[in-house]
């Protein structure tokens, strides 16, 4: 399933810095945050594990780099998709949330 670049925040790391680091690691693109689009949160409760995710979604601009697959990482692949196609991709809830925030902000 398709998702957005992202990952964990290092202790003491500002969220915006974590976003730029994760995007670079996973895509090879250097970006800057333009705006905070929204914050999504979900939990998963299992018999042996509880998990809480807070997803901070930024509107960003590409400053440099070439789109590439993550080297030695967890991302299988990355690709550009026309915006009209994103809404019908087989994707995780985060993508749907981001699209709703883009539409809400009128970006």
C-alpha atoms as a PDB file:
ATOM      1  CA  UNK A   1       0.000   0.000   0.000  1.00  0.00           C
ATOM      2  CA  UNK A   2       1.139   3.535  -0.683  1.00  0.00           C
ATOM      3  CA  UNK A   3       1.940   5.903   2.163  1.00  0.00           C
ATOM      4  CA  UNK A   4       3.768   9.182   2.678  1.00  0.00           C
ATOM      5  CA  UNK A   5       7.411   9.511   3.695  1.00  0.00           C
ATOM      6  CA  UNK A   6       7.789   9.600   7.442  1.00  0.00           C
ATOM      7  CA  UNK A   7       9.060   7.947  10.547  1.00  0.00           C
ATOM      8  CA  UNK A   8      10.014   8.459  14.132  1.00  0.00           C
ATOM      9  CA  UNK A   9      11.176  11.639  15.789  1.00  0.00           C
ATOM     10  CA  UNK A  10      14.526  11.441  17.556  1.00  0.00           C
ATOM     11  CA  UNK A  11      14.586  12.566  21.192  1.00  0.00           C
ATOM     12  CA  UNK A  12      14.742  16.376  21.269  1.00  0.00           C
ATOM     13  CA  UNK A  13      14.354  16.691  17.484  1.00  0.00           C
ATOM     14  CA  UNK A  14      11.879  19.330  16.273  1.00  0.00           C
ATOM     15  CA  UNK A  15       9.040  17.707  14.249  1.00  0.00           C
ATOM     16  CA  UNK A  16       9.768  19.838  11.167  1.00  0.00           C
ATOM     17  CA  UNK A  17      13.417  18.698  11.213  1.00  0.00           C
ATOM     18  CA  UNK A  18      12.321  15.074  11.587  1.00  0.00           C
ATOM     19  CA  UNK A  19      10.099  15.461   8.516  1.00  0.00           C
ATOM     20  CA  UNK A  20      12.891  16.860   6.349  1.00  0.00           C
ATOM     21  CA  UNK A  21      15.292  14.145   7.545  1.00  0.00           C
ATOM     22  CA  UNK A  22      12.828  11.314   6.902  1.00  0.00           C
ATOM     23  CA  UNK A  23      11.886  12.612   3.433  1.00  0.00           C
ATOM     24  CA  UNK A  24      15.564  12.828   2.487  1.00  0.00           C
ATOM     25  CA  UNK A  25      16.278   9.325   3.834  1.00  0.00           C
ATOM     26  CA  UNK A  26      13.301   7.718   2.105  1.00  0.00           C
ATOM     27  CA  UNK A  27      13.184   9.621  -1.201  1.00  0.00           C
ATOM     28  CA  UNK A  28      16.476  11.417  -1.791  1.00  0.00           C
ATOM     29  CA  UNK A  29      14.661  14.764  -1.881  1.00  0.00           C
ATOM     30  CA  UNK A  30      15.623  17.803   0.179  1.00  0.00           C
ATOM     31  CA  UNK A  31      12.449  19.616   1.227  1.00  0.00           C
ATOM     32  CA  UNK A  32      11.355  22.522   3.389  1.00  0.00           C
ATOM     33  CA  UNK A  33       8.062  22.728   5.240  1.00  0.00           C
ATOM     34  CA  UNK A  34       5.725  25.404   3.918  1.00  0.00           C
ATOM     35  CA  UNK A  35       2.764  24.830   6.207  1.00  0.00           C
ATOM     36  CA  UNK A  36       1.339  22.427   8.747  1.00  0.00           C
ATOM     37  CA  UNK A  37      -1.626  20.713   7.066  1.00  0.00           C
ATOM     38  CA  UNK A  38      -2.877  18.714  10.021  1.00  0.00           C
ATOM     39  CA  UNK A  39      -2.253  16.153  12.735  1.00  0.00           C
ATOM     40  CA  UNK A  40      -3.686  12.637  12.658  1.00  0.00           C
ATOM     41  CA  UNK A  41      -3.635  10.172  15.533  1.00  0.00           C
ATOM     42  CA  UNK A  42      -4.523   6.508  15.892  1.00  0.00           C
ATOM     43  CA  UNK A  43      -4.032   3.641  18.309  1.00  0.00           C
ATOM     44  CA  UNK A  44      -3.713  -0.099  17.915  1.00  0.00           C
ATOM     45  CA  UNK A  45      -4.437  -2.329  20.885  1.00  0.00           C
ATOM     46  CA  UNK A  46      -3.401  -5.976  20.813  1.00  0.00           C
ATOM     47  CA  UNK A  47      -3.112  -8.575  23.547  1.00  0.00           C
ATOM     48  CA  UNK A  48       0.675  -8.187  23.701  1.00  0.00           C
ATOM     49  CA  UNK A  49       1.183  -4.615  22.490  1.00  0.00           C
ATOM     50  CA  UNK A  50      -0.320  -1.136  22.548  1.00  0.00           C
ATOM     51  CA  UNK A  51       0.731   1.358  19.882  1.00  0.00           C
ATOM     52  CA  UNK A  52      -0.077   5.060  19.534  1.00  0.00           C
ATOM     53  CA  UNK A  53       0.896   6.998  16.405  1.00  0.00           C
ATOM     54  CA  UNK A  54       0.777  10.755  15.973  1.00  0.00           C
ATOM     55  CA  UNK A  55       1.189  11.759  12.325  1.00  0.00           C
ATOM     56  CA  UNK A  56       2.130  15.366  11.573  1.00  0.00           C
ATOM     57  CA  UNK A  57       1.436  16.264   7.939  1.00  0.00           C
ATOM     58  CA  UNK A  58       3.258  19.167   6.305  1.00  0.00           C
ATOM     59  CA  UNK A  59       2.919  20.842   2.940  1.00  0.00           C
ATOM     60  CA  UNK A  60       6.489  20.917   1.649  1.00  0.00           C
ATOM     61  CA  UNK A  61       8.468  22.228  -1.289  1.00  0.00           C
ATOM     62  CA  UNK A  62      11.288  20.330  -2.990  1.00  0.00           C
ATOM     63  CA  UNK A  63      14.566  22.244  -2.893  1.00  0.00           C
ATOM     64  CA  UNK A  64      16.997  19.674  -4.353  1.00  0.00           C
ATOM     65  CA  UNK A  65      17.598  16.010  -5.029  1.00  0.00           C
ATOM     66  CA  UNK A  66      16.447  13.246  -7.339  1.00  0.00           C
ATOM     67  CA  UNK A  67      13.634  10.859  -6.462  1.00  0.00           C
ATOM     68  CA  UNK A  68      15.119   7.468  -5.592  1.00  0.00           C
ATOM     69  CA  UNK A  69      14.384   4.398  -3.512  1.00  0.00           C
ATOM     70  CA  UNK A  70      15.597   4.321   0.075  1.00  0.00           C
ATOM     71  CA  UNK A  71      19.051   2.830   0.463  1.00  0.00           C
ATOM     72  CA  UNK A  72      19.302   0.109   3.150  1.00  0.00           C
ATOM     73  CA  UNK A  73      15.929   1.132   4.550  1.00  0.00           C
ATOM     74  CA  UNK A  74      12.345   0.093   5.059  1.00  0.00           C
ATOM     75  CA  UNK A  75      10.771   1.816   2.056  1.00  0.00           C
ATOM     76  CA  UNK A  76      10.122  -0.576  -0.843  1.00  0.00           C
ATOM     77  CA  UNK A  77       9.853   2.069  -3.543  1.00  0.00           C
ATOM     78  CA  UNK A  78       8.762   5.632  -4.221  1.00  0.00           C
ATOM     79  CA  UNK A  79       7.023   7.200  -7.190  1.00  0.00           C
ATOM     80  CA  UNK A  80       5.183  10.313  -8.323  1.00  0.00           C
ATOM     81  CA  UNK A  81       1.442  10.019  -8.941  1.00  0.00           C
ATOM     82  CA  UNK A  82      -0.840  12.642 -10.509  1.00  0.00           C
ATOM     83  CA  UNK A  83      -2.989  14.220  -7.790  1.00  0.00           C
ATOM     84  CA  UNK A  84      -6.204  12.965  -9.421  1.00  0.00           C
ATOM     85  CA  UNK A  85      -4.886   9.385  -9.127  1.00  0.00           C
ATOM     86  CA  UNK A  86      -3.799   9.637  -5.488  1.00  0.00           C
ATOM     87  CA  UNK A  87      -7.388   9.450  -4.266  1.00  0.00           C
ATOM     88  CA  UNK A  88      -7.867   6.019  -5.898  1.00  0.00           C
ATOM     89  CA  UNK A  89      -4.498   4.439  -5.038  1.00  0.00           C
ATOM     90  CA  UNK A  90      -4.377   1.462  -2.704  1.00  0.00           C
ATOM     91  CA  UNK A  91      -3.100   3.504   0.237  1.00  0.00           C
ATOM     92  CA  UNK A  92      -3.026   3.753   4.016  1.00  0.00           C
ATOM     93  CA  UNK A  93      -5.335   6.065   5.969  1.00  0.00           C
ATOM     94  CA  UNK A  94      -2.579   8.680   6.264  1.00  0.00           C
ATOM     95  CA  UNK A  95      -2.771   9.364   2.521  1.00  0.00           C
ATOM     96  CA  UNK A  96      -6.541   9.826   2.711  1.00  0.00           C
ATOM     97  CA  UNK A  97      -6.084  12.161   5.688  1.00  0.00           C
ATOM     98  CA  UNK A  98      -3.453  14.210   3.815  1.00  0.00           C
ATOM     99  CA  UNK A  99      -5.700  14.509   0.732  1.00  0.00           C
ATOM    100  CA  UNK A 100      -8.589  15.695   2.925  1.00  0.00           C
ATOM    101  CA  UNK A 101      -6.299  18.306   4.534  1.00  0.00           C
ATOM    102  CA  UNK A 102      -5.064  19.503   1.122  1.00  0.00           C
ATOM    103  CA  UNK A 103      -8.652  19.845  -0.066  1.00  0.00           C
ATOM    104  CA  UNK A 104      -9.708  21.579   3.171  1.00  0.00           C
ATOM    105  CA  UNK A 105      -6.844  24.081   2.959  1.00  0.00           C
ATOM    106  CA  UNK A 106      -7.541  24.669  -0.734  1.00  0.00           C
ATOM    107  CA  UNK A 107      -3.964  23.900  -1.737  1.00  0.00           C
END
